[in-house]
N, C-alpha and C. Protein backbone atom coordinates (compact mmCIF):
# COMPACT_ATOMS: atom_id res chain seq x y z
N MET A 1 0.97 -1.26 0.17
CA MET A 1 -0.05 0.33 -0.18
C MET A 1 0.89 1.37 -0.06
N PRO A 2 0.46 2.23 -0.94
CA PRO A 2 1.65 3.45 -0.99
C PRO A 2 1.34 4.25 0.28
N SER A 3 2.28 4.99 0.54
CA SER A 3 2.17 5.74 1.84
C SER A 3 1.70 7.27 1.29
N ILE A 4 0.98 7.72 2.46
CA ILE A 4 0.02 9.05 2.21
C ILE A 4 1.08 9.94 2.12
N SER A 5 0.29 11.14 1.51
CA SER A 5 1.41 12.44 1.50
C SER A 5 0.89 13.41 2.76
N ASP A 6 1.32 14.21 2.97
CA ASP A 6 1.18 15.30 4.25
C ASP A 6 -0.36 15.36 3.88
N GLU A 7 -0.35 16.01 2.91
CA GLU A 7 -1.55 16.66 2.59
C GLU A 7 -2.93 15.56 2.77
N GLU A 8 -2.95 14.46 2.37
CA GLU A 8 -3.55 13.68 2.28
C GLU A 8 -3.95 12.94 3.85
N TYR A 9 -2.68 13.08 4.57
CA TYR A 9 -2.69 12.95 6.34
C TYR A 9 -3.24 14.04 6.84
N LEU A 10 -3.56 15.56 6.31
CA LEU A 10 -4.14 16.33 6.98
C LEU A 10 -5.85 16.19 6.47
N LEU A 11 -6.11 15.76 5.01
CA LEU A 11 -7.52 15.35 5.15
C LEU A 11 -8.22 14.40 5.96
N LYS A 12 -7.28 13.37 6.33
CA LYS A 12 -7.74 12.55 7.40
C LYS A 12 -8.24 13.05 8.79
N GLN A 13 -7.35 14.12 9.12
CA GLN A 13 -7.16 14.75 10.21
C GLN A 13 -8.38 15.32 10.41
N ILE A 14 -8.67 16.22 9.27
CA ILE A 14 -9.76 17.14 9.21
C ILE A 14 -11.13 16.46 8.92
N GLU A 15 -11.39 15.05 8.55
CA GLU A 15 -12.60 14.24 8.60
C GLU A 15 -12.41 13.95 10.21
N ASN A 16 -11.54 13.71 10.67
CA ASN A 16 -11.82 13.32 12.24
C ASN A 16 -12.08 14.45 13.21
N GLY A 17 -11.92 15.84 12.33
CA GLY A 17 -12.28 16.80 13.05
C GLY A 17 -11.68 17.91 13.81
N SER A 18 -10.37 17.61 13.38
CA SER A 18 -9.12 18.11 13.71
C SER A 18 -8.82 19.83 13.48
N SER A 19 -9.02 20.92 14.20
CA SER A 19 -9.38 22.17 13.60
C SER A 19 -7.88 22.70 13.43
N LYS A 20 -6.98 22.13 14.10
CA LYS A 20 -5.60 22.51 13.51
C LYS A 20 -5.08 21.86 12.31
N ALA A 21 -5.57 20.72 12.18
CA ALA A 21 -5.07 20.12 10.67
C ALA A 21 -6.05 21.15 9.22
N PHE A 22 -6.99 21.41 9.78
CA PHE A 22 -7.81 22.16 8.65
C PHE A 22 -6.94 23.72 8.88
N GLU A 23 -6.47 24.23 9.30
CA GLU A 23 -6.04 25.25 9.94
C GLU A 23 -4.94 25.37 8.61
N GLN A 24 -3.86 24.37 8.72
CA GLN A 24 -2.92 24.27 7.95
C GLN A 24 -3.30 23.76 6.63
N PHE A 25 -3.99 23.10 6.41
CA PHE A 25 -4.54 22.92 5.24
C PHE A 25 -5.19 23.85 4.27
N TYR A 26 -5.84 25.04 4.92
CA TYR A 26 -6.65 26.07 4.43
C TYR A 26 -5.38 27.18 4.29
N ASP A 27 -4.28 27.21 5.04
CA ASP A 27 -3.05 27.98 4.81
C ASP A 27 -2.21 27.67 3.58
N ARG A 28 -2.34 26.60 3.71
CA ARG A 28 -1.66 25.51 1.94
C ARG A 28 -2.36 26.05 0.83
N TYR A 29 -3.57 25.97 1.03
CA TYR A 29 -4.47 25.65 -0.11
C TYR A 29 -5.28 27.20 -0.47
N SER A 30 -5.45 27.88 0.41
CA SER A 30 -6.35 28.81 0.14
C SER A 30 -5.67 30.30 -0.98
N PRO A 31 -4.33 30.00 -1.01
CA PRO A 31 -3.79 30.98 -2.46
C PRO A 31 -3.98 30.47 -3.70
N PHE A 32 -4.16 29.03 -3.77
CA PHE A 32 -4.52 28.51 -5.08
C PHE A 32 -5.91 28.50 -4.88
N VAL A 33 -6.82 28.35 -4.29
CA VAL A 33 -8.12 28.20 -4.52
C VAL A 33 -8.55 29.91 -4.98
N PHE A 34 -8.02 30.68 -4.33
CA PHE A 34 -8.29 32.45 -4.76
C PHE A 34 -7.69 32.59 -5.84
N ARG A 35 -6.88 32.14 -6.63
CA ARG A 35 -6.48 32.36 -7.81
C ARG A 35 -7.18 31.61 -8.52
N ILE A 36 -7.59 30.79 -8.61
CA ILE A 36 -8.70 30.22 -9.48
C ILE A 36 -9.87 30.99 -9.52
N ALA A 37 -10.21 30.90 -8.26
CA ALA A 37 -11.67 31.78 -7.97
C ALA A 37 -11.86 33.21 -8.67
N LEU A 38 -10.68 34.04 -8.60
CA LEU A 38 -10.48 35.27 -8.98
C LEU A 38 -10.30 35.05 -10.76
N GLY A 39 -9.65 34.36 -10.98
CA GLY A 39 -9.12 34.18 -12.55
C GLY A 39 -10.85 33.94 -13.13
N ILE A 40 -11.69 33.16 -12.74
CA ILE A 40 -13.11 32.80 -13.28
C ILE A 40 -14.18 33.78 -12.92
N LEU A 41 -13.99 34.57 -11.52
CA LEU A 41 -15.23 35.44 -10.91
C LEU A 41 -14.82 36.82 -11.77
N LYS A 42 -13.63 37.40 -11.45
CA LYS A 42 -12.97 38.49 -12.11
C LYS A 42 -13.46 39.42 -11.18
N ASN A 43 -13.75 38.90 -9.53
CA ASN A 43 -14.20 39.85 -8.87
C ASN A 43 -13.74 39.49 -7.59
N HIS A 44 -12.87 40.35 -6.67
CA HIS A 44 -12.05 40.05 -5.68
C HIS A 44 -12.33 39.69 -4.50
N ALA A 45 -14.03 40.42 -4.19
CA ALA A 45 -14.68 40.26 -2.97
C ALA A 45 -15.39 38.64 -3.35
N ASP A 46 -15.74 38.66 -4.28
CA ASP A 46 -16.78 37.28 -5.06
C ASP A 46 -15.50 36.09 -4.81
N ALA A 47 -14.24 36.35 -5.01
CA ALA A 47 -13.43 35.34 -5.13
C ALA A 47 -12.85 35.06 -3.59
N GLU A 48 -13.05 35.98 -3.19
CA GLU A 48 -12.86 35.84 -1.39
C GLU A 48 -13.69 34.73 -0.91
N ASP A 49 -15.19 35.14 -0.90
CA ASP A 49 -16.38 34.83 -0.37
C ASP A 49 -16.32 33.16 -0.97
N LEU A 50 -16.02 33.10 -2.16
CA LEU A 50 -16.06 31.63 -3.10
C LEU A 50 -15.19 30.82 -2.36
N CYS A 51 -13.67 31.52 -1.90
CA CYS A 51 -12.40 30.73 -1.18
C CYS A 51 -13.30 30.13 0.04
N HIS A 52 -13.88 30.70 0.68
CA HIS A 52 -14.29 30.26 2.11
C HIS A 52 -15.30 29.36 1.92
N ASP A 53 -16.33 29.71 0.74
CA ASP A 53 -17.50 28.49 0.76
C ASP A 53 -16.77 27.53 0.46
N VAL A 54 -15.95 27.11 -0.36
CA VAL A 54 -15.13 25.93 -1.02
C VAL A 54 -14.32 25.16 0.23
N PHE A 55 -13.85 25.98 1.16
CA PHE A 55 -13.27 25.80 2.22
C PHE A 55 -13.78 24.88 3.50
N ILE A 56 -15.12 25.50 3.46
CA ILE A 56 -15.98 24.79 4.22
C ILE A 56 -16.70 23.27 3.45
N GLU A 57 -17.24 23.56 2.80
CA GLU A 57 -17.14 22.30 1.72
C GLU A 57 -16.29 21.44 1.90
N LEU A 58 -14.86 21.85 1.71
CA LEU A 58 -13.48 20.54 1.87
C LEU A 58 -13.89 20.24 3.48
N TYR A 59 -14.47 21.16 4.15
CA TYR A 59 -13.90 20.29 5.75
C TYR A 59 -15.06 19.79 6.06
N HIS A 60 -16.21 20.14 5.52
CA HIS A 60 -17.52 18.69 5.56
C HIS A 60 -17.38 17.62 5.04
N HIS A 61 -16.65 18.01 4.11
CA HIS A 61 -16.62 16.56 2.62
C HIS A 61 -15.22 16.35 2.60
N ALA A 62 -14.18 16.06 3.55
CA ALA A 62 -12.95 15.76 3.33
C ALA A 62 -12.64 14.12 2.97
N ALA A 63 -13.48 13.36 3.66
CA ALA A 63 -13.70 12.10 3.00
C ALA A 63 -13.98 11.66 1.72
N SER A 64 -14.53 12.58 0.86
CA SER A 64 -14.96 12.41 -0.52
C SER A 64 -13.20 12.28 -1.44
N TYR A 65 -12.36 12.84 -0.71
CA TYR A 65 -11.30 12.99 -2.00
C TYR A 65 -10.74 11.50 -2.00
N ASN A 66 -10.88 11.09 -3.18
CA ASN A 66 -10.09 9.96 -3.46
C ASN A 66 -8.69 9.92 -4.63
N ARG A 67 -7.49 9.09 -4.28
CA ARG A 67 -6.48 9.79 -4.68
C ARG A 67 -6.33 8.90 -5.86
N ASP A 68 -7.20 7.87 -6.02
CA ASP A 68 -6.80 7.17 -7.37
C ASP A 68 -7.32 7.69 -8.87
N LYS A 69 -8.23 8.95 -8.47
CA LYS A 69 -8.87 9.93 -9.42
C LYS A 69 -8.00 10.94 -9.54
N GLY A 70 -7.44 11.42 -8.87
CA GLY A 70 -6.41 12.42 -8.75
C GLY A 70 -5.52 13.18 -7.84
N SER A 71 -4.79 13.96 -7.86
CA SER A 71 -4.08 14.89 -7.30
C SER A 71 -4.95 15.49 -6.06
N ILE A 72 -4.59 15.94 -4.82
CA ILE A 72 -5.41 16.88 -4.09
C ILE A 72 -5.45 18.05 -4.93
N GLU A 73 -4.50 18.79 -5.64
CA GLU A 73 -4.69 20.26 -5.97
C GLU A 73 -5.84 19.70 -6.95
N ALA A 74 -5.82 18.75 -8.16
CA ALA A 74 -6.92 18.61 -9.08
C ALA A 74 -8.22 18.29 -8.27
N TRP A 75 -8.09 17.95 -7.23
CA TRP A 75 -9.78 17.81 -6.59
C TRP A 75 -10.35 19.16 -6.20
N ILE A 76 -9.03 19.86 -5.43
CA ILE A 76 -9.47 21.28 -5.15
C ILE A 76 -10.13 21.99 -6.25
N ALA A 77 -9.14 22.00 -7.35
CA ALA A 77 -9.49 22.75 -8.50
C ALA A 77 -10.74 22.72 -9.11
N VAL A 78 -11.16 21.18 -9.27
CA VAL A 78 -12.34 20.90 -9.67
C VAL A 78 -13.56 21.41 -8.87
N LYS A 79 -13.28 21.64 -7.83
CA LYS A 79 -14.50 21.81 -6.85
C LYS A 79 -14.63 23.12 -7.08
N THR A 80 -13.42 23.86 -6.86
CA THR A 80 -13.43 25.43 -6.88
C THR A 80 -14.24 25.73 -7.96
N ARG A 81 -13.66 25.51 -9.25
CA ARG A 81 -14.14 25.87 -11.06
C ARG A 81 -16.14 25.33 -10.72
N SER A 82 -16.09 24.57 -10.13
CA SER A 82 -17.29 24.18 -9.98
C SER A 82 -17.94 25.17 -9.28
N ARG A 83 -17.68 25.54 -8.25
CA ARG A 83 -18.79 26.53 -7.37
C ARG A 83 -18.73 27.86 -8.03
N CYS A 84 -17.67 28.19 -8.67
CA CYS A 84 -17.58 29.50 -9.47
C CYS A 84 -18.38 29.40 -10.63
N LEU A 85 -18.41 28.14 -11.43
CA LEU A 85 -19.61 28.30 -12.44
C LEU A 85 -20.90 28.20 -11.91
N ASP A 86 -21.15 27.60 -10.65
CA ASP A 86 -22.65 27.64 -10.03
C ASP A 86 -22.82 29.01 -9.88
N ARG A 87 -21.95 29.88 -9.07
CA ARG A 87 -22.29 31.24 -8.69
C ARG A 87 -22.35 32.01 -9.95
N LEU A 88 -21.69 31.82 -10.93
CA LEU A 88 -21.36 32.52 -12.39
C LEU A 88 -23.46 32.38 -12.78
N ARG A 89 -23.94 31.36 -13.01
CA ARG A 89 -25.05 30.44 -13.33
C ARG A 89 -26.18 31.06 -12.49
N ARG A 90 -26.28 31.32 -10.93
CA ARG A 90 -27.03 31.87 -10.49
C ARG A 90 -26.92 33.33 -10.52
N ALA A 91 -25.98 34.12 -10.60
CA ALA A 91 -25.78 35.61 -11.02
C ALA A 91 -26.42 36.10 -12.43
N LYS A 92 -26.42 35.08 -13.39
CA LYS A 92 -27.11 35.52 -14.71
C LYS A 92 -28.51 34.91 -14.80
N ARG A 93 -29.11 33.95 -13.69
CA ARG A 93 -30.46 33.91 -13.51
C ARG A 93 -30.87 35.18 -12.62
N ILE A 94 -30.17 35.83 -11.96
CA ILE A 94 -30.82 36.70 -11.23
C ILE A 94 -30.96 37.77 -12.03
N HIS A 95 -29.64 38.25 -12.78
CA HIS A 95 -29.56 39.45 -13.65
C HIS A 95 -30.76 39.21 -14.82
N SER A 96 -30.93 37.95 -15.22
CA SER A 96 -32.11 37.94 -16.19
C SER A 96 -33.47 38.23 -15.48
N ARG A 97 -33.74 37.79 -14.47
CA ARG A 97 -34.94 38.11 -13.82
C ARG A 97 -35.35 39.47 -13.93
N VAL A 98 -34.26 40.10 -13.23
CA VAL A 98 -34.02 41.46 -13.02
C VAL A 98 -34.77 42.44 -14.43
N GLU A 99 -33.55 41.90 -15.30
CA GLU A 99 -34.02 42.57 -16.69
C GLU A 99 -35.30 42.30 -17.24
N GLU A 100 -35.64 40.82 -16.81
CA GLU A 100 -37.01 40.74 -17.65
C GLU A 100 -38.28 41.42 -16.99
N GLU A 101 -38.04 41.47 -15.37
CA GLU A 101 -38.84 42.64 -14.83
C GLU A 101 -38.89 43.82 -14.88
N LEU A 102 -37.92 44.47 -15.57
CA LEU A 102 -37.57 46.14 -15.77
C LEU A 102 -38.00 46.11 -17.37
N HIS A 103 -38.25 45.13 -18.09
CA HIS A 103 -38.73 45.56 -19.82
C HIS A 103 -40.13 45.06 -19.51
N ASN A 104 -40.57 44.25 -18.45
CA ASN A 104 -42.35 44.12 -18.42
C ASN A 104 -42.49 45.09 -17.64
N LYS A 105 -42.04 46.03 -16.85
CA LYS A 105 -42.26 46.98 -16.41
C LYS A 105 -43.59 47.83 -16.81
N PRO A 106 -44.62 48.36 -16.40
CA PRO A 106 -45.54 49.22 -17.09
C PRO A 106 -45.13 50.60 -17.08
N ALA A 107 -45.42 51.48 -17.81
CA ALA A 107 -44.70 52.93 -17.89
C ALA A 107 -44.99 53.26 -16.46
N GLU A 108 -44.41 53.96 -15.88
CA GLU A 108 -44.34 54.77 -14.74
C GLU A 108 -45.63 55.65 -14.04
N GLN A 109 -46.01 56.76 -15.60
CA GLN A 109 -46.77 57.46 -15.17
C GLN A 109 -48.39 57.06 -15.40
N PRO A 110 -49.17 56.88 -14.86
CA PRO A 110 -50.65 56.70 -15.78
C PRO A 110 -50.73 58.09 -16.16
N PRO A 111 -51.84 57.78 -16.73
CA PRO A 111 -52.35 59.17 -18.00
C PRO A 111 -52.55 60.39 -17.18
N VAL A 112 -52.02 61.59 -18.09
CA VAL A 112 -52.58 62.90 -16.96
C VAL A 112 -54.18 62.83 -16.16
N GLU A 113 -55.26 62.39 -17.05
CA GLU A 113 -56.50 62.23 -16.56
C GLU A 113 -56.43 61.54 -15.32
N GLU A 114 -56.22 60.26 -15.35
CA GLU A 114 -55.77 59.66 -14.34
C GLU A 114 -55.25 59.94 -12.95
N GLN A 115 -54.19 60.81 -13.63
CA GLN A 115 -53.35 61.32 -12.13
C GLN A 115 -54.21 62.07 -11.56
N ILE A 116 -55.00 63.21 -12.45
CA ILE A 116 -55.73 64.01 -11.51
C ILE A 116 -56.61 63.73 -10.44
N ILE A 117 -57.52 62.68 -11.14
CA ILE A 117 -58.53 61.72 -10.52
C ILE A 117 -58.33 61.21 -9.35
N LEU A 118 -56.85 60.75 -9.22
CA LEU A 118 -56.23 60.20 -8.53
C LEU A 118 -55.37 60.91 -7.10
N LYS A 119 -54.77 61.97 -7.73
CA LYS A 119 -54.98 63.31 -6.72
C LYS A 119 -56.18 63.86 -5.88
N ASP A 120 -57.29 63.80 -6.60
CA ASP A 120 -58.74 64.26 -6.31
C ASP A 120 -58.82 63.32 -5.07
N GLU A 121 -58.96 62.06 -5.47
CA GLU A 121 -59.05 61.16 -4.61
C GLU A 121 -58.10 61.01 -3.10
N ARG A 122 -56.99 61.15 -3.49
CA ARG A 122 -56.06 61.20 -2.23
C ARG A 122 -56.57 62.24 -1.32
N GLU A 123 -56.64 63.43 -2.00
CA GLU A 123 -57.28 64.59 -1.03
C GLU A 123 -58.33 64.77 -0.20
N THR A 124 -59.21 64.02 -0.76
CA THR A 124 -60.58 63.47 -0.42
C THR A 124 -60.23 62.27 1.08
N ILE A 125 -59.89 61.84 0.27
CA ILE A 125 -59.68 60.55 1.43
C ILE A 125 -58.49 61.14 2.95
N HIS A 126 -57.52 62.01 2.87
CA HIS A 126 -56.84 62.68 3.43
C HIS A 126 -57.83 63.76 4.14
N ARG A 127 -58.44 64.47 3.75
CA ARG A 127 -59.88 65.28 4.25
C ARG A 127 -60.46 64.42 5.08
N ALA A 128 -61.02 63.42 4.82
CA ALA A 128 -61.88 62.47 5.73
C ALA A 128 -61.04 62.21 6.99
N LEU A 129 -59.94 61.63 6.64
CA LEU A 129 -58.95 61.29 7.81
C LEU A 129 -58.64 62.04 8.56
N ASN A 130 -58.55 63.51 8.27
CA ASN A 130 -58.43 64.68 9.39
C ASN A 130 -59.36 65.02 10.12
N GLY A 131 -60.73 64.75 9.63
CA GLY A 131 -61.84 65.31 10.44
C GLY A 131 -62.28 64.26 11.35
N LEU A 132 -61.31 63.39 11.36
CA LEU A 132 -61.73 62.40 12.53
C LEU A 132 -61.02 62.67 14.01
N PRO A 133 -61.70 62.31 14.86
CA PRO A 133 -60.92 62.35 16.29
C PRO A 133 -59.59 61.92 16.15
N ALA A 134 -58.85 62.06 17.12
CA ALA A 134 -57.22 61.94 16.98
C ALA A 134 -56.99 60.49 16.97
N ALA A 135 -58.04 59.77 17.91
CA ALA A 135 -57.65 58.25 18.12
C ALA A 135 -58.02 57.55 17.56
N GLN A 136 -58.89 58.03 16.87
CA GLN A 136 -59.69 57.32 15.38
C GLN A 136 -58.66 57.40 14.35
N ARG A 137 -58.03 58.67 13.82
CA ARG A 137 -57.56 59.12 13.19
C ARG A 137 -56.09 57.88 13.23
N VAL A 138 -55.52 58.15 14.04
CA VAL A 138 -54.22 57.35 14.71
C VAL A 138 -54.22 55.95 14.45
N ALA A 139 -55.65 55.16 14.65
CA ALA A 139 -56.02 53.73 14.71
C ALA A 139 -55.98 53.49 13.35
N ILE A 140 -56.77 54.13 12.42
CA ILE A 140 -57.01 54.03 11.16
C ILE A 140 -55.81 54.10 9.69
N TYR A 141 -54.99 55.16 10.33
CA TYR A 141 -53.87 55.43 9.69
C TYR A 141 -52.77 54.14 9.93
N GLY A 142 -53.09 53.71 10.93
CA GLY A 142 -51.56 52.90 11.27
C GLY A 142 -52.23 51.37 10.88
N ASN A 143 -53.41 51.16 10.79
CA ASN A 143 -54.56 49.95 10.19
C ASN A 143 -53.90 49.93 8.80
N PHE A 144 -54.57 50.89 7.88
CA PHE A 144 -54.52 50.69 6.78
C PHE A 144 -53.58 51.55 5.96
N PHE A 145 -53.07 52.69 6.38
CA PHE A 145 -51.68 53.07 5.82
C PHE A 145 -50.24 52.70 6.02
N LEU A 146 -50.18 52.07 6.95
CA LEU A 146 -48.94 51.33 7.85
C LEU A 146 -49.05 50.11 7.66
N GLY A 147 -50.27 49.57 7.30
CA GLY A 147 -50.43 48.12 7.24
C GLY A 147 -50.08 46.96 8.85
N HIS A 148 -50.11 47.98 10.17
CA HIS A 148 -50.04 47.59 11.28
C HIS A 148 -51.35 46.19 11.55
N SER A 149 -51.34 45.72 11.97
CA SER A 149 -52.24 44.49 12.69
C SER A 149 -53.39 45.18 13.84
N HIS A 150 -54.27 44.92 14.34
CA HIS A 150 -55.22 45.26 15.40
C HIS A 150 -54.24 45.32 16.64
N ARG A 151 -53.75 44.11 16.69
CA ARG A 151 -52.77 43.80 18.05
C ARG A 151 -51.37 44.47 17.84
N LYS A 152 -50.68 44.82 17.00
CA LYS A 152 -49.64 45.63 16.98
C LYS A 152 -50.18 47.06 17.47
N LEU A 153 -51.23 47.55 16.71
CA LEU A 153 -51.46 48.70 17.52
C LEU A 153 -51.90 49.01 18.88
N ALA A 154 -52.59 47.84 19.13
CA ALA A 154 -52.88 47.87 20.32
C ALA A 154 -51.54 47.78 21.55
N SER A 155 -50.45 47.39 21.04
CA SER A 155 -49.50 47.29 21.67
C SER A 155 -48.39 48.23 21.50
N GLN A 156 -48.48 49.27 20.84
CA GLN A 156 -47.97 50.42 20.49
C GLN A 156 -48.69 51.68 20.75
N LEU A 157 -49.72 51.23 20.82
CA LEU A 157 -50.60 52.84 21.42
C LEU A 157 -50.96 52.08 23.23
N ASN A 158 -50.28 51.26 23.56
CA ASN A 158 -51.02 50.75 24.92
C ASN A 158 -52.41 50.95 25.24
N ARG A 159 -53.29 50.35 24.45
CA ARG A 159 -54.75 50.11 24.25
C ARG A 159 -55.18 48.82 24.35
N PRO A 160 -56.23 48.52 25.00
CA PRO A 160 -56.84 47.28 24.85
C PRO A 160 -57.16 46.87 23.08
N LEU A 161 -56.96 45.74 23.06
CA LEU A 161 -57.50 45.15 21.75
C LEU A 161 -58.68 45.82 20.96
N GLY A 162 -60.00 45.29 21.63
CA GLY A 162 -60.90 45.55 21.76
C GLY A 162 -61.30 47.01 21.24
N THR A 163 -60.77 48.13 22.02
CA THR A 163 -60.43 49.59 22.06
C THR A 163 -60.05 49.54 20.53
N ILE A 164 -58.98 49.20 19.76
CA ILE A 164 -58.35 49.59 18.75
C ILE A 164 -59.52 49.13 17.42
N LYS A 165 -59.84 47.86 17.68
CA LYS A 165 -60.78 47.54 16.89
C LYS A 165 -62.29 48.45 16.94
N SER A 166 -62.44 49.08 18.01
CA SER A 166 -64.04 49.90 18.00
C SER A 166 -63.52 51.12 17.32
N LEU A 167 -62.34 51.81 17.60
CA LEU A 167 -61.92 53.19 17.10
C LEU A 167 -61.36 52.70 15.34
N VAL A 168 -61.15 51.63 14.87
CA VAL A 168 -61.11 51.43 13.65
C VAL A 168 -62.71 51.39 12.78
N ARG A 169 -63.00 50.64 13.75
CA ARG A 169 -64.85 50.55 13.02
C ARG A 169 -65.31 51.96 13.24
N TYR A 170 -65.06 52.97 14.27
CA TYR A 170 -65.95 54.01 14.00
C TYR A 170 -65.41 55.03 13.19
N GLY A 171 -63.74 54.56 13.17
CA GLY A 171 -63.52 56.07 12.03
C GLY A 171 -63.89 55.56 10.86
N MET A 172 -63.90 54.16 10.52
CA MET A 172 -64.25 53.86 9.04
C MET A 172 -65.60 54.08 8.96
N ASN A 173 -66.68 54.05 9.88
CA ASN A 173 -68.60 54.65 9.54
C ASN A 173 -68.29 55.98 9.62
N ASN A 174 -67.22 56.87 10.39
CA ASN A 174 -67.01 58.32 9.90
C ASN A 174 -66.46 58.51 8.59
N MET A 175 -65.52 58.00 8.26
CA MET A 175 -65.32 58.23 7.03
C MET A 175 -66.05 58.22 5.82
N ARG A 176 -66.76 57.01 5.95
CA ARG A 176 -67.77 56.66 5.10
C ARG A 176 -69.00 58.01 4.92
N LYS A 177 -69.16 58.37 5.94
CA LYS A 177 -70.26 59.29 6.43
C LYS A 177 -69.75 60.43 5.33
N TYR A 178 -68.61 61.04 5.76
CA TYR A 178 -67.91 62.19 5.43
C TYR A 178 -67.97 61.91 3.48
N LEU A 179 -67.36 60.52 3.16
CA LEU A 179 -67.56 60.65 1.63
C LEU A 179 -69.15 60.57 1.01
N LYS A 180 -69.63 60.08 1.49
CA LYS A 180 -71.01 59.94 1.08
C LYS A 180 -71.52 61.64 1.18
N GLU A 181 -71.04 61.99 2.13
CA GLU A 181 -71.56 63.79 2.28
C GLU A 181 -70.91 64.68 0.78
N GLN A 182 -69.70 64.25 0.88
CA GLN A 182 -68.77 64.53 -0.46
C GLN A 182 -69.74 64.23 -1.88
N THR A 183 -69.61 63.22 -1.89
CA THR A 183 -70.57 62.50 -3.29
C THR A 183 -71.82 63.55 -3.79
N LYS A 184 -72.57 63.66 -2.35
CA LYS A 184 -73.96 64.35 -2.86
C LYS A 184 -73.75 65.93 -3.35
N ASP A 185 -72.62 66.57 -2.46
CA ASP A 185 -72.40 67.57 -3.00
C ASP A 185 -71.99 67.69 -4.12
N TYR A 186 -71.05 67.00 -4.60
CA TYR A 186 -70.32 66.84 -5.85
C TYR A 186 -71.44 66.79 -7.24
N GLN A 187 -72.32 65.35 -6.76
CA GLN A 187 -73.61 65.47 -7.02
C GLN A 187 -74.46 66.65 -7.36
N SER A 188 -74.66 67.54 -6.38
CA SER A 188 -75.69 68.45 -6.51
C SER A 188 -75.31 69.43 -7.21
N LYS A 189 -73.97 69.71 -7.27
CA LYS A 189 -73.43 70.95 -7.96
C LYS A 189 -73.20 70.60 -9.70
N ARG A 190 -73.17 69.60 -10.06
CA ARG A 190 -73.65 69.08 -11.48
C ARG A 190 -74.27 69.52 -11.95
């Protein structure tokens, strides 16, 4: 049986959980892994990240090395290259998705008529909201504009949950009345 090299011995020690062996292995091969990663990824930070990822994988899968399939350097180089290509493919998929979303994004601005209507509606809603008693206004704003749950509002405002639910319900009823009056006024002016 052929004798094992220092590197193979380190791998066996890593497999048995030796952090000292892993440290030595890392010190010996990290420049090699980094050079491969930098050559493929063309980005220093990405190459450093990938270098760490490869060594974490090597740490957890040290037993997967088979000397009959090649040298330790070849084994490490193949793992590094594979991880680099995985990262490039993932980045390309993300980039494609972003490009597709940007390409399919509807026009930023609605037509002028629609903008005017939306502005009027917003102003009417704000007037209705401002016409509410302060407690109702805070509850409505927190629930509908900020998206907070009744429970979260109760906690934030230090009020019982039932009180918050009542404030939201009464506030909505008062806003509904105000909006109905506005609609009647608008229709009577026509």
